[in-house]
C-alpha atoms as a PDB file:
ATOM      1  CA  GLU A   1     -14.568  17.520 -25.326  1.00  0.00           C
ATOM      2  CA  LEU A   2     -10.720  17.726 -24.861  1.00  0.00           C
ATOM      3  CA  VAL A   3     -11.053  20.641 -22.826  1.00  0.00           C
ATOM      4  CA  HIS A   4     -13.191  18.568 -20.048  1.00  0.00           C
ATOM      5  CA  LEU A   5     -10.465  15.603 -20.710  1.00  0.00           C
ATOM      6  CA  SER A   6      -7.368  17.831 -19.875  1.00  0.00           C
ATOM      7  CA  ALA A   7      -9.254  18.968 -16.905  1.00  0.00           C
ATOM      8  CA  GLY A   8      -9.765  15.896 -15.522  1.00  0.00           C
ATOM      9  CA  GLU A   9      -6.313  14.757 -16.113  1.00  0.00           C
ATOM     10  CA  LEU A  10      -5.134  17.960 -14.380  1.00  0.00           C
ATOM     11  CA  ASP A  11      -7.436  17.016 -11.520  1.00  0.00           C
ATOM     12  CA  GLY A  12      -6.071  13.593 -11.327  1.00  0.00           C
ATOM     13  CA  LEU A  13      -2.499  15.222 -11.200  1.00  0.00           C
ATOM     14  CA  LEU A  14      -3.201  17.574  -8.559  1.00  0.00           C
ATOM     15  CA  HIS A  15      -4.935  15.145  -6.354  1.00  0.00           C
ATOM     16  CA  ASP A  16      -1.973  12.810  -6.994  1.00  0.00           C
ATOM     17  CA  LEU A  17       0.415  15.362  -5.924  1.00  0.00           C
ATOM     18  CA  SER A  18      -1.619  16.192  -2.762  1.00  0.00           C
ATOM     19  CA  LYS A  19      -1.404  12.698  -1.828  1.00  0.00           C
ATOM     20  CA  ILE A  20       2.225  12.654  -1.926  1.00  0.00           C
ATOM     21  CA  ILE A  21       2.673  16.019   0.056  1.00  0.00           C
ATOM     22  CA  ASP A  22       0.173  14.471   2.628  1.00  0.00           C
ATOM     23  CA  ILE A  23       2.435  11.356   3.019  1.00  0.00           C
ATOM     24  CA  ARG A  24       5.734  13.674   3.191  1.00  0.00           C
ATOM     25  CA  ASN A  25       4.231  15.648   5.985  1.00  0.00           C
ATOM     26  CA  ASP A  26       3.340  12.783   7.909  1.00  0.00           C
ATOM     27  CA  ILE A  27      -0.516  13.836   8.088  1.00  0.00           C
ATOM     28  CA  TYR A  28      -1.257  10.384   8.473  1.00  0.00           C
ATOM     29  CA  ARG A  29       0.558   9.448  11.446  1.00  0.00           C
ATOM     30  CA  ILE A  30      -1.425   7.824  13.949  1.00  0.00           C
ATOM     31  CA  ARG A  31      -0.822   4.087  14.083  1.00  0.00           C
ATOM     32  CA  GLU A  32      -4.045   1.779  14.607  1.00  0.00           C
ATOM     33  CA  ARG A  33      -4.621  -1.804  14.943  1.00  0.00           C
ATOM     34  CA  VAL A  34      -5.075  -3.102  11.383  1.00  0.00           C
ATOM     35  CA  ASP A  35      -6.514  -6.337  10.694  1.00  0.00           C
ATOM     36  CA  LEU A  36      -5.132  -7.713   7.482  1.00  0.00           C
ATOM     37  CA  TYR A  37      -7.847 -10.167   6.898  1.00  0.00           C
ATOM     38  CA  GLU A  38     -10.173  -7.241   6.701  1.00  0.00           C
ATOM     39  CA  VAL A  39      -7.928  -5.341   4.416  1.00  0.00           C
ATOM     40  CA  PHE A  40      -7.466  -7.841   1.950  1.00  0.00           C
ATOM     41  CA  GLY A  41     -11.567  -8.643   2.199  1.00  0.00           C
ATOM     42  CA  SER A  42     -12.104  -5.098   1.297  1.00  0.00           C
ATOM     43  CA  ILE A  43      -9.868  -4.729  -1.410  1.00  0.00           C
ATOM     44  CA  ARG A  44     -11.338  -7.794  -2.946  1.00  0.00           C
ATOM     45  CA  HIS A  45     -14.839  -6.317  -2.497  1.00  0.00           C
ATOM     46  CA  GLU A  46     -13.654  -2.928  -4.166  1.00  0.00           C
ATOM     47  CA  LEU A  47     -12.098  -4.912  -7.017  1.00  0.00           C
ATOM     48  CA  LYS A  48     -15.098  -7.118  -7.218  1.00  0.00           C
ATOM     49  CA  ASP A  49     -15.560  -6.100 -11.153  1.00  0.00           C
ATOM     50  CA  GLN A  50     -12.300  -7.400 -12.108  1.00  0.00           C
ATOM     51  CA  TRP A  51     -11.948 -10.393  -9.549  1.00  0.00           C
ATOM     52  CA  ALA A  52     -13.270 -12.460 -12.474  1.00  0.00           C
ATOM     53  CA  ASN A  53      -9.754 -12.435 -13.945  1.00  0.00           C
ATOM     54  CA  VAL A  54      -8.625 -14.220 -10.828  1.00  0.00           C
ATOM     55  CA  SER A  55      -8.215 -17.844 -11.090  1.00  0.00           C
ATOM     56  CA  CYS A  56      -6.523 -18.653  -8.237  1.00  0.00           C
ATOM     57  CA  TYR A  57      -5.970 -16.564  -4.808  1.00  0.00           C
ATOM     58  CA  LYS A  58      -4.567 -17.815  -1.771  1.00  0.00           C
ATOM     59  CA  GLU A  59      -3.891 -15.951   1.343  1.00  0.00           C
ATOM     60  CA  ASN A  60      -1.868 -16.914   4.463  1.00  0.00           C
ATOM     61  CA  MET A  61      -2.000 -14.366   7.487  1.00  0.00           C
ATOM     62  CA  GLU A  62      -1.784 -16.697  10.392  1.00  0.00           C
ATOM     63  CA  LEU A  63       1.514 -15.563  11.342  1.00  0.00           C
ATOM     64  CA  CYS A  64       0.788 -11.732  11.025  1.00  0.00           C
ATOM     65  CA  ARG A  65      -2.783 -11.012  11.116  1.00  0.00           C
ATOM     66  CA  GLU A  66      -2.738  -7.707  13.164  1.00  0.00           C
ATOM     67  CA  ILE A  67      -0.284  -5.171  12.743  1.00  0.00           C
ATOM     68  CA  TYR A  68      -0.192  -1.315  13.913  1.00  0.00           C
ATOM     69  CA  ALA A  69       0.560   0.705  11.252  1.00  0.00           C
ATOM     70  CA  ILE A  70      -1.149   3.773   9.362  1.00  0.00           C
ATOM     71  CA  ARG A  71      -4.395   2.219   8.050  1.00  0.00           C
ATOM     72  CA  PRO A  72      -4.920   4.185   5.015  1.00  0.00           C
ATOM     73  CA  MET A  73      -1.279   3.572   3.856  1.00  0.00           C
ATOM     74  CA  VAL A  74      -1.676   0.084   4.325  1.00  0.00           C
ATOM     75  CA  HIS A  75      -5.238   0.039   2.576  1.00  0.00           C
ATOM     76  CA  SER A  76      -3.352   2.148  -0.268  1.00  0.00           C
ATOM     77  CA  ILE A  77      -0.292  -0.174  -0.716  1.00  0.00           C
ATOM     78  CA  VAL A  78      -2.130  -3.689  -0.756  1.00  0.00           C
ATOM     79  CA  TYR A  79      -4.810  -2.041  -3.166  1.00  0.00           C
ATOM     80  CA  ASN A  80      -2.035  -1.054  -5.395  1.00  0.00           C
ATOM     81  CA  LEU A  81      -0.045  -4.585  -5.297  1.00  0.00           C
ATOM     82  CA  VAL A  82      -3.490  -6.074  -5.978  1.00  0.00           C
ATOM     83  CA  SER A  83      -4.954  -4.057  -8.649  1.00  0.00           C
ATOM     84  CA  ASN A  84      -1.146  -4.363 -10.592  1.00  0.00           C
ATOM     85  CA  ALA A  85      -1.338  -8.071 -10.556  1.00  0.00           C
ATOM     86  CA  ILE A  86      -4.735  -8.174 -11.884  1.00  0.00           C
ATOM     87  CA  LYS A  87      -3.882  -5.466 -14.617  1.00  0.00           C
ATOM     88  CA  TYR A  88      -0.798  -6.834 -15.924  1.00  0.00           C
ATOM     89  CA  ARG A  89      -1.692 -10.632 -15.868  1.00  0.00           C
ATOM     90  CA  HIS A  90      -0.369 -12.707 -18.451  1.00  0.00           C
ATOM     91  CA  ILE A  91      -3.054 -13.506 -20.754  1.00  0.00           C
ATOM     92  CA  ASP A  92      -1.996 -16.813 -22.052  1.00  0.00           C
ATOM     93  CA  SER A  93      -2.156 -18.123 -18.373  1.00  0.00           C
ATOM     94  CA  PRO A  94      -4.944 -18.232 -15.430  1.00  0.00           C
ATOM     95  CA  LEU A  95      -3.974 -15.519 -13.165  1.00  0.00           C
ATOM     96  CA  ALA A  96      -2.859 -16.447  -9.604  1.00  0.00           C
ATOM     97  CA  ILE A  97      -2.456 -14.357  -6.799  1.00  0.00           C
ATOM     98  CA  SER A  98      -0.557 -15.393  -3.640  1.00  0.00           C
ATOM     99  CA  VAL A  99      -0.629 -13.150  -0.167  1.00  0.00           C
ATOM    100  CA  LYS A 100       0.917 -13.609   3.050  1.00  0.00           C
ATOM    101  CA  SER A 101       2.502 -11.888   6.106  1.00  0.00           C
ATOM    102  CA  LYS A 102       4.594 -12.489   8.862  1.00  0.00           C
ATOM    103  CA  ARG A 103       7.046 -10.849  11.340  1.00  0.00           C
ATOM    104  CA  ILE A 104      10.700 -10.479  10.919  1.00  0.00           C
ATOM    105  CA  ASP A 105      12.864  -8.775  13.810  1.00  0.00           C
ATOM    106  CA  ASN A 106      10.904  -5.362  14.113  1.00  0.00           C
ATOM    107  CA  TYR A 107       9.140  -5.428  11.013  1.00  0.00           C
ATOM    108  CA  SER A 108       5.747  -6.658   9.663  1.00  0.00           C
ATOM    109  CA  VAL A 109       6.214  -7.857   6.345  1.00  0.00           C
ATOM    110  CA  ILE A 110       3.316  -8.225   3.635  1.00  0.00           C
ATOM    111  CA  GLU A 111       4.024 -10.044   0.585  1.00  0.00           C
ATOM    112  CA  VAL A 112       1.933 -10.000  -2.763  1.00  0.00           C
ATOM    113  CA  SER A 113       2.925 -12.440  -5.425  1.00  0.00           C
ATOM    114  CA  ASP A 114       1.379 -13.315  -8.869  1.00  0.00           C
ATOM    115  CA  ASN A 115       2.548 -15.363 -12.140  1.00  0.00           C
ATOM    116  CA  GLY A 116       1.708 -12.122 -14.414  1.00  0.00           C
ATOM    117  CA  MET A 117       3.796 -10.215 -16.955  1.00  0.00           C
ATOM    118  CA  GLY A 118       6.625  -9.343 -14.580  1.00  0.00           C
ATOM    119  CA  ILE A 119       9.040  -6.643 -14.887  1.00  0.00           C
ATOM    120  CA  ASN A 120      12.417  -6.783 -16.398  1.00  0.00           C
ATOM    121  CA  LEU A 121      14.690  -5.435 -13.516  1.00  0.00           C
ATOM    122  CA  GLU A 122      17.849  -5.726 -15.157  1.00  0.00           C
ATOM    123  CA  PHE A 123      16.363  -2.734 -17.653  1.00  0.00           C
ATOM    124  CA  PHE A 124      13.903  -0.985 -15.127  1.00  0.00           C
ATOM    125  CA  LYS A 125      15.730  -1.287 -11.884  1.00  0.00           C
ATOM    126  CA  ASN A 126      16.815   2.338 -11.550  1.00  0.00           C
ATOM    127  CA  ASP A 127      13.233   3.578 -12.623  1.00  0.00           C
ATOM    128  CA  LEU A 128      10.850   1.004 -10.734  1.00  0.00           C
ATOM    129  CA  PHE A 129       9.792   3.387  -8.038  1.00  0.00           C
ATOM    130  CA  ARG A 130       9.725   6.533  -9.742  1.00  0.00           C
ATOM    131  CA  MET A 131       6.831   8.694 -10.626  1.00  0.00           C
ATOM    132  CA  TYR A 132       5.233   8.529 -13.784  1.00  0.00           C
ATOM    133  CA  LYS A 133       7.147   5.555 -14.663  1.00  0.00           C
ATOM    134  CA  ARG A 134       5.479   2.794 -16.708  1.00  0.00           C
ATOM    135  CA  PHE A 135       6.613  -0.636 -17.567  1.00  0.00           C
ATOM    136  CA  HIS A 136       3.842  -2.107 -19.741  1.00  0.00           C
ATOM    137  CA  MET A 137       2.068   0.383 -22.278  1.00  0.00           C
ATOM    138  CA  HIS A 138      -0.801  -2.042 -23.300  1.00  0.00           C
ATOM    139  CA  THR A 139      -2.984  -1.005 -20.423  1.00  0.00           C
ATOM    140  CA  GLU A 140      -4.086   2.609 -19.037  1.00  0.00           C
ATOM    141  CA  GLY A 141      -2.212   3.681 -15.811  1.00  0.00           C
ATOM    142  CA  LYS A 142      -0.357   6.902 -14.740  1.00  0.00           C
ATOM    143  CA  GLY A 143       2.743   5.006 -13.340  1.00  0.00           C
ATOM    144  CA  LEU A 144       2.304   6.090 -10.052  1.00  0.00           C
ATOM    145  CA  GLY A 145       1.418   3.112  -8.148  1.00  0.00           C
ATOM    146  CA  LEU A 146       4.961   1.585  -7.083  1.00  0.00           C
ATOM    147  CA  TYR A 147       5.920   5.425  -6.362  1.00  0.00           C
ATOM    148  CA  LEU A 148       3.107   5.598  -3.665  1.00  0.00           C
ATOM    149  CA  ILE A 149       3.840   1.838  -2.307  1.00  0.00           C
ATOM    150  CA  LYS A 150       7.369   2.920  -1.613  1.00  0.00           C
ATOM    151  CA  VAL A 151       6.857   6.528  -0.378  1.00  0.00           C
ATOM    152  CA  GLN A 152       3.980   5.091   2.033  1.00  0.00           C
ATOM    153  CA  ALA A 153       6.088   2.388   3.166  1.00  0.00           C
ATOM    154  CA  GLU A 154       9.053   4.545   4.022  1.00  0.00           C
ATOM    155  CA  ALA A 155       6.470   6.768   5.813  1.00  0.00           C
ATOM    156  CA  MET A 156       6.114   3.960   8.393  1.00  0.00           C
ATOM    157  CA  GLY A 157       9.795   3.232   8.642  1.00  0.00           C
ATOM    158  CA  GLY A 158      10.004   0.446   6.039  1.00  0.00           C
ATOM    159  CA  PHE A 159      10.911  -0.386   2.542  1.00  0.00           C
ATOM    160  CA  VAL A 160       9.958  -2.506  -0.443  1.00  0.00           C
ATOM    161  CA  GLU A 161      11.850  -5.512  -2.066  1.00  0.00           C
ATOM    162  CA  VAL A 162      10.954  -6.843  -5.874  1.00  0.00           C
ATOM    163  CA  GLU A 163      11.592  -9.713  -7.215  1.00  0.00           C
ATOM    164  CA  SER A 164      10.640 -10.199 -10.966  1.00  0.00           C
ATOM    165  CA  ALA A 165      11.383 -11.384 -14.432  1.00  0.00           C
ATOM    166  CA  PRO A 166       9.286 -11.029 -17.701  1.00  0.00           C
ATOM    167  CA  ASN A 167       6.778 -13.814 -17.948  1.00  0.00           C
ATOM    168  CA  HIS A 168       7.659 -15.178 -15.059  1.00  0.00           C
ATOM    169  CA  GLY A 169       5.511 -12.942 -12.370  1.00  0.00           C
ATOM    170  CA  SER A 170       6.566 -10.612  -9.591  1.00  0.00           C
ATOM    171  CA  LEU A 171       6.646 -10.785  -5.901  1.00  0.00           C
ATOM    172  CA  PHE A 172       6.345  -7.696  -4.147  1.00  0.00           C
ATOM    173  CA  ARG A 173       7.691  -7.753  -0.337  1.00  0.00           C
ATOM    174  CA  VAL A 174       6.351  -4.468   1.899  1.00  0.00           C
ATOM    175  CA  TRP A 175       8.503  -3.971   5.173  1.00  0.00           C
ATOM    176  CA  ILE A 176       6.621  -2.155   7.849  1.00  0.00           C
ATOM    177  CA  LYS A 177       8.393  -1.008  10.716  1.00  0.00           C
ATOM    178  CA  ASN A 178       6.699  -1.706  14.321  1.00  0.00           C
ATOM    179  CA  PRO A 179       6.179   1.057  16.606  1.00  0.00           C
ATOM    180  CA  ILE A 180       8.016   0.996  19.780  1.00  0.00           C
ATOM    181  CA  ARG A 181       4.874   2.691  21.667  1.00  0.00           C
ATOM    182  CA  VAL A 182       1.277   2.679  20.487  1.00  0.00           C
ATOM    183  CA  GLU A 183      -0.266   3.733  23.855  1.00  0.00           C
ATOM    184  CA  ASP A 184       0.054   7.404  23.904  1.00  0.00           C
ATOM    185  CA  GLN A 185       0.206   8.610  20.260  1.00  0.00           C
ATOM    186  CA  ILE A 186      -0.488  12.299  20.482  1.00  0.00           C
ATOM    187  CA  LEU A 187      -3.417  13.481  18.490  1.00  0.00           C
ATOM    188  CA  PHE A 188      -3.541  17.140  19.805  1.00  0.00           C
ATOM    189  CA  ASP A 189      -0.979  19.084  21.667  1.00  0.00           C
ATOM    190  CA  HIS A 190      -1.709  22.532  23.098  1.00  0.00           C
ATOM    191  CA  PRO A 191      -0.124  24.391  26.440  1.00  0.00           C
ATOM    192  CA  LYS A 192      -2.999  23.647  28.489  1.00  0.00           C
ATOM    193  CA  ALA A 193      -4.377  20.409  26.897  1.00  0.00           C
ATOM    194  CA  GLN A 194      -3.220  17.307  25.004  1.00  0.00           C
ATOM    195  CA  ILE A 195      -5.389  14.553  23.559  1.00  0.00           C
ATOM    196  CA  TYR A 196      -3.762  10.880  23.018  1.00  0.00           C
ATOM    197  CA  TYR A 197      -4.754   7.918  21.406  1.00  0.00           C
ATOM    198  CA  ASN A 198      -4.275   4.374  22.638  1.00  0.00           C
ATOM    199  CA  ALA A 199      -4.142   1.801  19.888  1.00  0.00           C
ATOM    200  CA  LEU A 200      -3.976  -1.350  22.072  1.00  0.00           C
ATOM    201  CA  LEU A 201      -7.319  -0.099  23.746  1.00  0.00           C
ATOM    202  CA  ASP A 202      -8.594   2.284  20.759  1.00  0.00           C
ATOM    203  CA  ILE A 203      -9.625   4.849  22.672  1.00  0.00           C
ATOM    204  CA  ALA A 204      -8.533   8.651  23.043  1.00  0.00           C
ATOM    205  CA  ARG A 205      -7.804  10.422  26.173  1.00  0.00           C
ATOM    206  CA  LEU A 206      -7.714  14.042  27.394  1.00  0.00           C
ATOM    207  CA  HIS A 207      -4.718  15.380  29.359  1.00  0.00           C
ATOM    208  CA  HIS A 208      -5.380  18.725  31.024  1.00  0.00           C
ATOM    209  CA  THR A 209      -2.096  20.680  32.032  1.00  0.00           C
ATOM    210  CA  SER A 210      -3.484  23.499  33.828  1.00  0.00           C
END
């Protein structure tokens, strides 16, 4: 039993490290048109077993419904933020989650806030986005979610801001850099041919060089 448990934990660790290596190597580099309403709707469905713990949910993405970004990364960021809000809710208060998006200068900004347990930023500020760091020990977790959020935001040219206090909830603000061009992103490059992807039209085209 212990061998199976250890093997499972090791497999999970290798999967996490593989994901981090993929991000750092920019494997998922193609920007797509991402509908944020669809992303949040999909995640609410994925978290349906835990959604009974959410008493109030508000979303406002009218100012920035669509962004051009790396879809798997956006999904991962939002999933981690929403699932963390549920996991670290305050047991004495009905959980309220609010999500919104907007555009500021050359960035698309996704905000997720809650009224949960919060984080002591004075104490944990330097460790907040480090690997395998946990700030609440009463629930299961590997302490990887915030690290992945930071790395994925940076892979898309952005960064993460946090406002939080113990017993006063948290606000995570994820900034994603808007790409300069999404029309001709190269998928495949060879001396004889290239394949390009146009995110505006959602089509790929083949260009022969000989």
